[in-house]
C-alpha cells in the first residue's frame, strides 16, 4: 500500500517545474548588464527572400523581439552553391552551399554605425536520385545554414568591443 497518491505527486512535480521554467532567460544575459541592454532592443531588417526570412526568424529567437528598438541590425545575405563529388558522367552527388552575411549594427537615434562585420559558413547535402528528396535536402540545408550564420552573428555581437567597452 502506498503512502501517497501518485497522480497528485506527479502533478505537483510537473507544476513546480513549469512554474520554475517561466522565469528562464537566455544564459548569456544573466551576468553581463551590457548584453542585457541588447536583449529585445535590436530591430531587424525586413526579410525579402525565404533565406532572409529564416535568418530573421532565427535571429529574433536569439536576441528577442524588439519592443523599444534602440538599435537596428542591417544585413546582406549571399549564398552560392557548388557541385562537389562528381561522378564520371558529370552528376554531382554532393552540393556545397557557401553563405556569407555582411551586417551592421546601427544606433537608431544617433544614426551611427556601432559595429560592421561579416560572417561566413558553409555546409553540404547529398544529391540523391529522386527530385523530391533533392528538394527536401536542399531546403533542410538552407535552414541549417541560416542557423549557423545566425549563431555566428550573435557571437560577433556578444564578443564585439561595444559589449566589452567599460566606458
Foldseek 3Di string as FASTA:
>chain_A
DDPDDPVVVVVVVVVVVVVVVVPDDDPVCPPAVLLVVQAQQEAEDDDDDPLSVLLVVLLCVVRHHHPHHQKYKYKDKDKDKDADDADPVGDGQKIKIKMKMWIFIAGVPVRDTPDTDMDIDMDMFTQDDDPVVNVVRVVVRSSVRSNVRSVVVVVCVCPDCSRVPPD
